[in-house]
N, C-alpha and C. Protein backbone atom coordinates (compact mmCIF):
# COMPACT_ATOMS: atom_id res chain seq x y z
N MET A 1 0.83 -1.19 0.00
CA MET A 1 0.00 0.00 0.00
C MET A 1 0.87 1.25 0.00
N LYS A 2 0.51 2.19 -0.83
CA LYS A 2 1.27 3.43 -0.94
C LYS A 2 0.90 4.37 0.21
N PRO A 3 1.84 5.17 0.68
CA PRO A 3 1.54 6.10 1.77
C PRO A 3 0.64 7.25 1.28
N LYS A 4 -0.03 7.87 2.25
CA LYS A 4 -0.81 9.06 1.93
C LYS A 4 0.14 10.13 1.38
N PHE A 5 -0.38 10.92 0.48
CA PHE A 5 0.41 12.03 -0.03
C PHE A 5 0.44 13.13 1.03
N THR A 6 1.61 13.77 1.14
CA THR A 6 1.79 14.85 2.10
C THR A 6 2.27 16.10 1.37
N ILE A 7 2.03 17.22 1.98
CA ILE A 7 2.49 18.49 1.41
C ILE A 7 4.01 18.51 1.34
N GLU A 8 4.66 17.93 2.34
CA GLU A 8 6.13 17.96 2.40
C GLU A 8 6.78 17.15 1.29
N GLN A 9 6.12 16.07 0.84
CA GLN A 9 6.73 15.18 -0.14
C GLN A 9 6.20 15.35 -1.56
N SER A 10 5.16 16.17 -1.75
CA SER A 10 4.47 16.22 -3.04
C SER A 10 4.81 17.44 -3.88
N CYS A 11 4.64 17.27 -5.17
CA CYS A 11 4.66 18.41 -6.09
C CYS A 11 3.65 18.16 -7.21
N LEU A 12 3.25 19.23 -7.86
CA LEU A 12 2.26 19.18 -8.93
C LEU A 12 2.96 19.31 -10.27
N LEU A 13 2.60 18.43 -11.20
CA LEU A 13 3.09 18.53 -12.57
C LEU A 13 1.94 18.95 -13.48
N VAL A 14 2.19 19.95 -14.33
CA VAL A 14 1.21 20.42 -15.31
C VAL A 14 1.86 20.22 -16.68
N ILE A 15 1.34 19.25 -17.43
CA ILE A 15 2.01 18.80 -18.64
C ILE A 15 1.31 19.29 -19.91
N ASP A 16 2.00 20.11 -20.68
CA ASP A 16 1.70 20.41 -22.09
C ASP A 16 0.29 20.94 -22.39
N VAL A 17 -0.21 21.86 -21.60
CA VAL A 17 -1.55 22.43 -21.85
C VAL A 17 -1.37 23.59 -22.82
N GLN A 18 -1.14 23.24 -24.07
CA GLN A 18 -0.65 24.19 -25.07
C GLN A 18 -1.59 24.41 -26.24
N GLY A 19 -1.63 25.67 -26.67
CA GLY A 19 -2.17 26.10 -27.95
C GLY A 19 -3.42 25.41 -28.44
N ARG A 20 -3.43 25.17 -29.75
CA ARG A 20 -4.60 24.57 -30.40
C ARG A 20 -4.87 23.16 -29.89
N LEU A 21 -3.84 22.45 -29.48
CA LEU A 21 -4.04 21.10 -28.95
C LEU A 21 -4.93 21.13 -27.71
N ALA A 22 -4.68 22.07 -26.81
CA ALA A 22 -5.51 22.19 -25.60
C ALA A 22 -6.97 22.45 -25.96
N GLU A 23 -7.18 23.23 -27.00
CA GLU A 23 -8.54 23.56 -27.42
C GLU A 23 -9.29 22.36 -28.01
N MET A 24 -8.57 21.32 -28.39
CA MET A 24 -9.20 20.13 -28.98
C MET A 24 -9.51 19.03 -27.95
N MET A 25 -9.21 19.28 -26.69
CA MET A 25 -9.40 18.25 -25.67
C MET A 25 -10.88 17.96 -25.42
N HIS A 26 -11.16 16.69 -25.15
CA HIS A 26 -12.50 16.27 -24.76
C HIS A 26 -12.85 16.96 -23.44
N GLN A 27 -14.00 17.57 -23.36
CA GLN A 27 -14.48 18.28 -22.17
C GLN A 27 -13.45 19.31 -21.67
N LYS A 28 -13.01 20.14 -22.59
CA LYS A 28 -11.93 21.08 -22.28
C LYS A 28 -12.27 22.07 -21.17
N GLN A 29 -13.52 22.50 -21.07
CA GLN A 29 -13.86 23.47 -20.02
C GLN A 29 -13.72 22.87 -18.63
N GLN A 30 -14.14 21.62 -18.47
CA GLN A 30 -13.97 20.94 -17.18
C GLN A 30 -12.49 20.72 -16.89
N LEU A 31 -11.74 20.37 -17.92
CA LEU A 31 -10.29 20.20 -17.77
C LEU A 31 -9.67 21.50 -17.26
N TYR A 32 -9.97 22.61 -17.92
CA TYR A 32 -9.40 23.91 -17.52
C TYR A 32 -9.80 24.25 -16.09
N GLN A 33 -11.07 24.02 -15.75
CA GLN A 33 -11.56 24.33 -14.40
C GLN A 33 -10.75 23.57 -13.35
N HIS A 34 -10.50 22.29 -13.58
CA HIS A 34 -9.77 21.49 -12.60
C HIS A 34 -8.27 21.81 -12.59
N LEU A 35 -7.72 22.16 -13.72
CA LEU A 35 -6.32 22.60 -13.74
C LEU A 35 -6.16 23.89 -12.94
N ILE A 36 -7.08 24.81 -13.13
CA ILE A 36 -7.04 26.09 -12.39
C ILE A 36 -7.15 25.83 -10.89
N LEU A 37 -8.10 24.97 -10.50
CA LEU A 37 -8.25 24.63 -9.08
C LEU A 37 -6.98 24.02 -8.51
N MET A 38 -6.39 23.09 -9.25
CA MET A 38 -5.19 22.43 -8.76
C MET A 38 -4.02 23.40 -8.61
N ILE A 39 -3.86 24.29 -9.57
CA ILE A 39 -2.75 25.26 -9.49
C ILE A 39 -2.95 26.22 -8.32
N LYS A 40 -4.17 26.75 -8.19
CA LYS A 40 -4.45 27.67 -7.07
C LYS A 40 -4.26 26.97 -5.73
N ALA A 41 -4.75 25.76 -5.61
CA ALA A 41 -4.62 25.02 -4.36
C ALA A 41 -3.16 24.67 -4.06
N ALA A 42 -2.42 24.27 -5.08
CA ALA A 42 -1.00 23.96 -4.88
C ALA A 42 -0.25 25.18 -4.36
N LYS A 43 -0.58 26.34 -4.89
CA LYS A 43 0.05 27.57 -4.40
C LYS A 43 -0.31 27.85 -2.95
N LEU A 44 -1.60 27.70 -2.62
CA LEU A 44 -2.02 27.91 -1.23
C LEU A 44 -1.31 26.96 -0.27
N LEU A 45 -1.14 25.72 -0.70
CA LEU A 45 -0.52 24.71 0.16
C LEU A 45 1.01 24.74 0.12
N GLY A 46 1.56 25.55 -0.77
CA GLY A 46 3.02 25.64 -0.87
C GLY A 46 3.67 24.49 -1.59
N LEU A 47 2.90 23.80 -2.46
CA LEU A 47 3.48 22.71 -3.24
C LEU A 47 4.31 23.28 -4.39
N PRO A 48 5.46 22.71 -4.66
CA PRO A 48 6.18 23.10 -5.88
C PRO A 48 5.36 22.71 -7.11
N ILE A 49 5.39 23.55 -8.11
CA ILE A 49 4.69 23.28 -9.37
C ILE A 49 5.72 23.27 -10.48
N HIS A 50 5.71 22.19 -11.26
CA HIS A 50 6.54 22.09 -12.46
C HIS A 50 5.60 22.05 -13.65
N TRP A 51 5.86 22.92 -14.62
CA TRP A 51 5.01 22.89 -15.82
C TRP A 51 5.89 22.74 -17.05
N PHE A 52 5.31 22.07 -18.03
CA PHE A 52 6.07 21.62 -19.19
C PHE A 52 5.40 22.07 -20.48
N GLU A 53 6.24 22.30 -21.48
CA GLU A 53 5.75 22.54 -22.84
C GLU A 53 6.51 21.62 -23.78
N GLN A 54 5.74 20.91 -24.58
CA GLN A 54 6.28 20.01 -25.59
C GLN A 54 6.51 20.82 -26.87
N TYR A 55 7.75 20.97 -27.26
CA TYR A 55 8.11 21.64 -28.51
C TYR A 55 7.22 22.87 -28.78
N PRO A 56 7.35 23.92 -27.96
CA PRO A 56 6.46 25.08 -28.08
C PRO A 56 6.52 25.80 -29.43
N LYS A 57 7.64 25.68 -30.15
CA LYS A 57 7.72 26.30 -31.49
C LYS A 57 6.67 25.72 -32.42
N GLY A 58 6.38 24.44 -32.25
CA GLY A 58 5.41 23.78 -33.11
C GLY A 58 4.01 23.72 -32.53
N LEU A 59 3.91 23.48 -31.21
CA LEU A 59 2.61 23.31 -30.58
C LEU A 59 2.05 24.58 -29.95
N GLY A 60 2.87 25.61 -29.85
CA GLY A 60 2.42 26.85 -29.24
C GLY A 60 2.68 26.86 -27.74
N SER A 61 2.34 27.97 -27.13
CA SER A 61 2.57 28.18 -25.70
C SER A 61 1.41 27.64 -24.87
N THR A 62 1.66 27.52 -23.60
CA THR A 62 0.61 27.14 -22.65
C THR A 62 -0.52 28.16 -22.76
N ILE A 63 -1.76 27.68 -22.69
CA ILE A 63 -2.90 28.59 -22.86
C ILE A 63 -2.87 29.67 -21.79
N PRO A 64 -3.25 30.90 -22.15
CA PRO A 64 -3.10 32.04 -21.24
C PRO A 64 -3.73 31.87 -19.86
N VAL A 65 -4.93 31.31 -19.78
CA VAL A 65 -5.61 31.18 -18.49
C VAL A 65 -4.80 30.32 -17.51
N ILE A 66 -4.08 29.35 -18.02
CA ILE A 66 -3.22 28.50 -17.19
C ILE A 66 -1.87 29.16 -16.97
N ARG A 67 -1.31 29.69 -18.03
CA ARG A 67 0.03 30.31 -17.95
C ARG A 67 0.08 31.44 -16.92
N GLU A 68 -0.97 32.25 -16.89
CA GLU A 68 -1.00 33.37 -15.94
C GLU A 68 -0.95 32.89 -14.49
N LEU A 69 -1.58 31.77 -14.21
CA LEU A 69 -1.59 31.24 -12.85
C LEU A 69 -0.25 30.63 -12.44
N LEU A 70 0.49 30.15 -13.41
CA LEU A 70 1.75 29.45 -13.10
C LEU A 70 2.83 30.39 -12.58
N GLY A 71 2.74 31.66 -12.94
CA GLY A 71 3.67 32.65 -12.40
C GLY A 71 5.11 32.22 -12.50
N ASP A 72 5.77 32.19 -11.35
CA ASP A 72 7.20 31.85 -11.33
C ASP A 72 7.45 30.38 -11.02
N SER A 73 6.47 29.53 -11.25
CA SER A 73 6.66 28.09 -11.07
C SER A 73 7.75 27.59 -12.01
N GLN A 74 8.27 26.42 -11.74
CA GLN A 74 9.40 25.87 -12.49
C GLN A 74 8.98 25.42 -13.89
N TYR A 75 9.51 26.08 -14.90
CA TYR A 75 9.19 25.79 -16.30
C TYR A 75 10.23 24.86 -16.91
N HIS A 76 9.74 23.92 -17.75
CA HIS A 76 10.61 22.99 -18.46
C HIS A 76 10.12 22.85 -19.90
N GLU A 77 11.01 23.11 -20.84
CA GLU A 77 10.72 22.84 -22.25
C GLU A 77 11.24 21.46 -22.56
N LYS A 78 10.50 20.72 -23.41
CA LYS A 78 10.94 19.36 -23.71
C LYS A 78 10.63 18.99 -25.15
N ILE A 79 11.34 17.99 -25.63
CA ILE A 79 11.02 17.40 -26.92
C ILE A 79 10.64 15.94 -26.77
N SER A 80 11.03 15.33 -25.65
CA SER A 80 10.60 13.95 -25.38
C SER A 80 9.14 13.99 -24.96
N PHE A 81 8.41 12.93 -25.22
CA PHE A 81 7.01 12.89 -24.79
C PHE A 81 6.92 12.90 -23.28
N SER A 82 7.77 12.15 -22.61
CA SER A 82 7.78 12.10 -21.16
C SER A 82 8.44 13.36 -20.59
N ALA A 83 7.78 13.96 -19.61
CA ALA A 83 8.38 15.10 -18.92
C ALA A 83 9.63 14.66 -18.16
N TYR A 84 9.70 13.39 -17.86
CA TYR A 84 10.85 12.85 -17.14
C TYR A 84 12.11 12.91 -18.00
N GLY A 85 11.94 13.06 -19.30
CA GLY A 85 13.08 13.17 -20.21
C GLY A 85 13.72 14.54 -20.23
N SER A 86 13.13 15.48 -19.53
CA SER A 86 13.69 16.83 -19.46
C SER A 86 14.82 16.85 -18.44
N GLY A 87 16.04 17.07 -18.91
CA GLY A 87 17.22 17.02 -18.05
C GLY A 87 17.15 17.96 -16.87
N ASP A 88 16.65 19.19 -17.07
CA ASP A 88 16.60 20.12 -15.95
C ASP A 88 15.58 19.68 -14.90
N PHE A 89 14.52 19.00 -15.31
CA PHE A 89 13.55 18.47 -14.36
C PHE A 89 14.20 17.37 -13.52
N MET A 90 14.93 16.48 -14.15
CA MET A 90 15.62 15.41 -13.43
C MET A 90 16.58 15.99 -12.40
N ASN A 91 17.34 17.00 -12.79
CA ASN A 91 18.29 17.64 -11.87
C ASN A 91 17.55 18.28 -10.69
N HIS A 92 16.43 18.93 -10.98
CA HIS A 92 15.65 19.57 -9.94
C HIS A 92 15.10 18.53 -8.95
N LEU A 93 14.63 17.40 -9.48
CA LEU A 93 14.11 16.33 -8.62
C LEU A 93 15.17 15.84 -7.65
N GLN A 94 16.35 15.62 -8.17
CA GLN A 94 17.44 15.13 -7.32
C GLN A 94 17.78 16.14 -6.24
N ALA A 95 17.74 17.43 -6.57
CA ALA A 95 18.09 18.47 -5.61
C ALA A 95 17.03 18.64 -4.52
N LYS A 96 15.77 18.50 -4.88
CA LYS A 96 14.68 18.77 -3.93
C LYS A 96 14.21 17.55 -3.15
N GLY A 97 14.42 16.36 -3.68
CA GLY A 97 14.09 15.15 -2.96
C GLY A 97 12.61 14.83 -2.82
N LYS A 98 11.76 15.38 -3.65
CA LYS A 98 10.33 15.07 -3.60
C LYS A 98 10.11 13.64 -4.09
N LYS A 99 9.15 12.95 -3.48
CA LYS A 99 8.91 11.53 -3.80
C LYS A 99 7.50 11.26 -4.33
N GLN A 100 6.61 12.28 -4.23
CA GLN A 100 5.21 12.09 -4.59
C GLN A 100 4.82 13.12 -5.65
N PHE A 101 4.17 12.64 -6.71
CA PHE A 101 3.82 13.51 -7.83
C PHE A 101 2.34 13.44 -8.14
N ILE A 102 1.72 14.60 -8.22
CA ILE A 102 0.33 14.73 -8.65
C ILE A 102 0.41 15.19 -10.10
N VAL A 103 -0.10 14.37 -11.00
CA VAL A 103 0.09 14.62 -12.43
C VAL A 103 -1.21 15.10 -13.06
N THR A 104 -1.09 16.19 -13.85
CA THR A 104 -2.19 16.77 -14.59
C THR A 104 -1.70 17.11 -16.00
N GLY A 105 -2.63 17.38 -16.92
CA GLY A 105 -2.23 17.86 -18.23
C GLY A 105 -2.75 17.03 -19.39
N ILE A 106 -2.10 17.20 -20.54
CA ILE A 106 -2.54 16.55 -21.77
C ILE A 106 -1.32 16.02 -22.54
N GLU A 107 -1.51 15.16 -23.45
CA GLU A 107 -2.63 14.29 -23.60
C GLU A 107 -2.43 13.09 -22.71
N ALA A 108 -3.53 12.63 -22.13
CA ALA A 108 -3.48 11.55 -21.14
C ALA A 108 -2.78 10.31 -21.67
N HIS A 109 -2.98 10.00 -22.94
CA HIS A 109 -2.45 8.74 -23.48
C HIS A 109 -1.06 8.86 -24.10
N VAL A 110 -0.50 10.06 -24.10
CA VAL A 110 0.84 10.23 -24.68
C VAL A 110 1.78 10.79 -23.61
N CYS A 111 1.85 12.10 -23.48
CA CYS A 111 2.83 12.72 -22.59
C CYS A 111 2.56 12.44 -21.11
N VAL A 112 1.29 12.52 -20.70
CA VAL A 112 0.97 12.20 -19.31
C VAL A 112 1.31 10.74 -19.02
N TYR A 113 0.86 9.86 -19.87
CA TYR A 113 1.08 8.42 -19.71
C TYR A 113 2.58 8.08 -19.62
N GLN A 114 3.35 8.59 -20.56
CA GLN A 114 4.78 8.26 -20.57
C GLN A 114 5.51 8.86 -19.37
N THR A 115 5.09 10.03 -18.93
CA THR A 115 5.68 10.64 -17.73
C THR A 115 5.40 9.77 -16.51
N VAL A 116 4.15 9.36 -16.37
CA VAL A 116 3.76 8.52 -15.23
C VAL A 116 4.55 7.22 -15.22
N LEU A 117 4.65 6.57 -16.37
CA LEU A 117 5.41 5.31 -16.42
C LEU A 117 6.86 5.50 -16.01
N ASP A 118 7.48 6.58 -16.48
CA ASP A 118 8.88 6.84 -16.12
C ASP A 118 9.04 7.13 -14.63
N LEU A 119 8.13 7.91 -14.06
CA LEU A 119 8.20 8.19 -12.62
C LEU A 119 8.04 6.91 -11.81
N LEU A 120 7.07 6.10 -12.19
CA LEU A 120 6.85 4.84 -11.48
C LEU A 120 8.06 3.92 -11.60
N ALA A 121 8.65 3.85 -12.78
CA ALA A 121 9.81 2.98 -13.00
C ALA A 121 10.99 3.38 -12.13
N ASP A 122 11.04 4.66 -11.77
CA ASP A 122 12.14 5.15 -10.94
C ASP A 122 11.78 5.14 -9.45
N GLY A 123 10.63 4.54 -9.11
CA GLY A 123 10.28 4.35 -7.71
C GLY A 123 9.49 5.46 -7.05
N PHE A 124 9.02 6.43 -7.82
CA PHE A 124 8.24 7.52 -7.24
C PHE A 124 6.78 7.11 -7.06
N CYS A 125 6.08 7.76 -6.15
CA CYS A 125 4.64 7.57 -5.97
C CYS A 125 3.92 8.58 -6.86
N VAL A 126 2.91 8.12 -7.58
CA VAL A 126 2.22 8.96 -8.55
C VAL A 126 0.71 8.86 -8.37
N LYS A 127 0.08 10.03 -8.35
CA LYS A 127 -1.38 10.11 -8.40
C LYS A 127 -1.74 10.94 -9.62
N VAL A 128 -2.67 10.43 -10.41
CA VAL A 128 -3.12 11.13 -11.61
C VAL A 128 -4.53 11.66 -11.34
N ASN A 129 -4.69 12.97 -11.44
CA ASN A 129 -6.00 13.57 -11.22
C ASN A 129 -6.82 13.38 -12.50
N GLN A 130 -7.78 12.46 -12.44
CA GLN A 130 -8.57 12.14 -13.63
C GLN A 130 -9.40 13.32 -14.12
N GLN A 131 -9.66 14.30 -13.27
CA GLN A 131 -10.43 15.47 -13.68
C GLN A 131 -9.54 16.53 -14.33
N ALA A 132 -8.24 16.40 -14.16
CA ALA A 132 -7.30 17.41 -14.67
C ALA A 132 -6.37 16.84 -15.72
N VAL A 133 -6.78 15.75 -16.37
CA VAL A 133 -6.08 15.23 -17.55
C VAL A 133 -7.13 15.00 -18.63
N SER A 134 -6.69 15.04 -19.88
CA SER A 134 -7.61 14.75 -20.97
C SER A 134 -6.83 14.36 -22.21
N SER A 135 -7.60 13.88 -23.18
CA SER A 135 -7.12 13.58 -24.53
C SER A 135 -8.17 14.10 -25.49
N ARG A 136 -7.81 14.15 -26.76
CA ARG A 136 -8.81 14.58 -27.75
C ARG A 136 -9.98 13.60 -27.79
N ASP A 137 -9.67 12.33 -27.63
CA ASP A 137 -10.68 11.27 -27.68
C ASP A 137 -10.87 10.71 -26.28
N LYS A 138 -12.13 10.66 -25.80
CA LYS A 138 -12.36 10.18 -24.43
C LYS A 138 -11.95 8.73 -24.25
N GLY A 139 -11.99 7.93 -25.33
CA GLY A 139 -11.54 6.54 -25.24
C GLY A 139 -10.06 6.44 -24.94
N ASN A 140 -9.26 7.33 -25.51
CA ASN A 140 -7.82 7.34 -25.22
C ASN A 140 -7.55 7.72 -23.77
N LYS A 141 -8.32 8.67 -23.25
CA LYS A 141 -8.16 9.05 -21.84
C LYS A 141 -8.49 7.86 -20.94
N LYS A 142 -9.60 7.20 -21.22
CA LYS A 142 -10.03 6.05 -20.41
C LYS A 142 -8.97 4.95 -20.43
N LEU A 143 -8.45 4.64 -21.61
CA LEU A 143 -7.42 3.63 -21.75
C LEU A 143 -6.15 4.03 -21.00
N ALA A 144 -5.76 5.28 -21.12
CA ALA A 144 -4.56 5.77 -20.44
C ALA A 144 -4.70 5.65 -18.93
N LEU A 145 -5.85 6.07 -18.38
CA LEU A 145 -6.06 5.98 -16.93
C LEU A 145 -6.01 4.53 -16.46
N SER A 146 -6.62 3.65 -17.23
CA SER A 146 -6.59 2.22 -16.89
C SER A 146 -5.17 1.67 -16.90
N ASN A 147 -4.42 1.98 -17.94
CA ASN A 147 -3.04 1.49 -18.04
C ASN A 147 -2.14 2.08 -16.96
N MET A 148 -2.33 3.36 -16.64
CA MET A 148 -1.52 3.98 -15.59
C MET A 148 -1.82 3.32 -14.25
N GLN A 149 -3.09 3.05 -14.00
CA GLN A 149 -3.48 2.40 -12.74
C GLN A 149 -2.90 0.99 -12.67
N GLN A 150 -2.97 0.24 -13.75
CA GLN A 150 -2.41 -1.11 -13.78
C GLN A 150 -0.90 -1.09 -13.57
N SER A 151 -0.27 0.00 -13.96
CA SER A 151 1.18 0.14 -13.81
C SER A 151 1.60 0.59 -12.41
N GLY A 152 0.62 0.99 -11.59
CA GLY A 152 0.94 1.36 -10.21
C GLY A 152 0.57 2.77 -9.81
N ALA A 153 0.09 3.57 -10.74
CA ALA A 153 -0.35 4.92 -10.38
C ALA A 153 -1.71 4.84 -9.70
N HIS A 154 -1.97 5.79 -8.85
CA HIS A 154 -3.28 5.88 -8.21
C HIS A 154 -4.07 6.97 -8.93
N ILE A 155 -5.32 6.67 -9.22
CA ILE A 155 -6.19 7.63 -9.90
C ILE A 155 -6.95 8.37 -8.81
N THR A 156 -7.01 9.69 -8.93
CA THR A 156 -7.63 10.52 -7.92
C THR A 156 -8.49 11.59 -8.58
N SER A 157 -9.08 12.44 -7.77
CA SER A 157 -9.84 13.59 -8.26
C SER A 157 -9.33 14.83 -7.54
N THR A 158 -9.81 15.96 -7.97
CA THR A 158 -9.35 17.23 -7.38
C THR A 158 -9.63 17.26 -5.88
N GLU A 159 -10.88 17.04 -5.48
CA GLU A 159 -11.20 17.09 -4.05
C GLU A 159 -10.47 16.01 -3.27
N MET A 160 -10.42 14.83 -3.84
CA MET A 160 -9.80 13.70 -3.14
C MET A 160 -8.34 14.00 -2.78
N ILE A 161 -7.57 14.47 -3.72
CA ILE A 161 -6.15 14.71 -3.46
C ILE A 161 -5.94 15.92 -2.55
N LEU A 162 -6.76 16.96 -2.72
CA LEU A 162 -6.57 18.15 -1.88
C LEU A 162 -6.89 17.86 -0.41
N PHE A 163 -7.96 17.12 -0.16
CA PHE A 163 -8.29 16.77 1.22
C PHE A 163 -7.27 15.78 1.79
N GLU A 164 -6.74 14.91 0.94
CA GLU A 164 -5.69 13.99 1.39
C GLU A 164 -4.45 14.77 1.82
N LEU A 165 -4.09 15.77 1.06
CA LEU A 165 -2.91 16.57 1.41
C LEU A 165 -3.09 17.32 2.72
N MET A 166 -4.30 17.81 2.98
CA MET A 166 -4.54 18.57 4.21
C MET A 166 -4.73 17.67 5.43
N HIS A 167 -5.16 16.45 5.25
CA HIS A 167 -5.34 15.44 6.31
C HIS A 167 -6.46 15.75 7.30
N THR A 168 -6.74 17.03 7.57
CA THR A 168 -7.70 17.39 8.60
C THR A 168 -8.36 18.74 8.31
N ALA A 169 -9.55 18.92 8.84
CA ALA A 169 -10.25 20.20 8.69
C ALA A 169 -9.58 21.29 9.54
N GLU A 170 -8.65 20.89 10.37
CA GLU A 170 -7.90 21.87 11.17
C GLU A 170 -6.69 22.43 10.43
N HIS A 171 -6.46 21.95 9.21
CA HIS A 171 -5.33 22.47 8.43
C HIS A 171 -5.50 23.98 8.25
N PRO A 172 -4.43 24.75 8.37
CA PRO A 172 -4.55 26.22 8.27
C PRO A 172 -5.12 26.72 6.93
N LYS A 173 -5.03 25.94 5.88
CA LYS A 173 -5.54 26.37 4.57
C LYS A 173 -6.89 25.72 4.22
N PHE A 174 -7.47 24.97 5.17
CA PHE A 174 -8.71 24.25 4.89
C PHE A 174 -9.83 25.16 4.38
N LYS A 175 -10.08 26.26 5.04
CA LYS A 175 -11.17 27.15 4.63
C LYS A 175 -10.93 27.72 3.24
N GLN A 176 -9.69 28.11 2.96
CA GLN A 176 -9.37 28.67 1.64
C GLN A 176 -9.53 27.62 0.54
N ILE A 177 -9.07 26.40 0.80
CA ILE A 177 -9.21 25.32 -0.19
C ILE A 177 -10.68 24.99 -0.38
N SER A 178 -11.43 24.89 0.70
CA SER A 178 -12.86 24.59 0.61
C SER A 178 -13.59 25.64 -0.23
N LYS A 179 -13.20 26.88 -0.05
CA LYS A 179 -13.82 27.98 -0.80
C LYS A 179 -13.53 27.84 -2.30
N LEU A 180 -12.32 27.43 -2.64
CA LEU A 180 -11.96 27.20 -4.05
C LEU A 180 -12.84 26.12 -4.68
N LEU A 181 -13.19 25.12 -3.90
CA LEU A 181 -13.91 23.97 -4.42
C LEU A 181 -15.41 24.20 -4.60
N LYS A 182 -15.91 25.31 -4.08
CA LYS A 182 -17.35 25.60 -4.19
C LYS A 182 -17.72 26.13 -5.55
């Protein structure tokens, strides 16, 4: 059994929410809503946020509504499908010692999937927020979530992971997080 995720050990990954590709996602408005919630909550809780762009010259930049929220979070440009293939991300991981990753972004069956597999292969704990990942085709998202779960990732939701991180209603950020979720 995997341990509960904690604020001290966790970080949020936001993968490739870019340009026209983001606009083609299945249920894109719900995806954006949950990405926004996760980024705002991660900031309130003090979680490190790493965000990635896959070949931005070709795919475009992260969509403005998400990019504005990311602020000075750790940015990584990549050409590999897996975010784990980004050398500066690997170096940052080794320096910070985080062991738990909450994964969000697109596309669930390509970049998210390959990132999750690489993190799991290296012994990290991974939770994939099913409300904050998508693919153009809902069947690909469903298949990706199933395969990630079979590989050892835990599938979660926005509320589930945020309440898990806080552990108790006495958490100093509980009221602020609860307000975000309404």
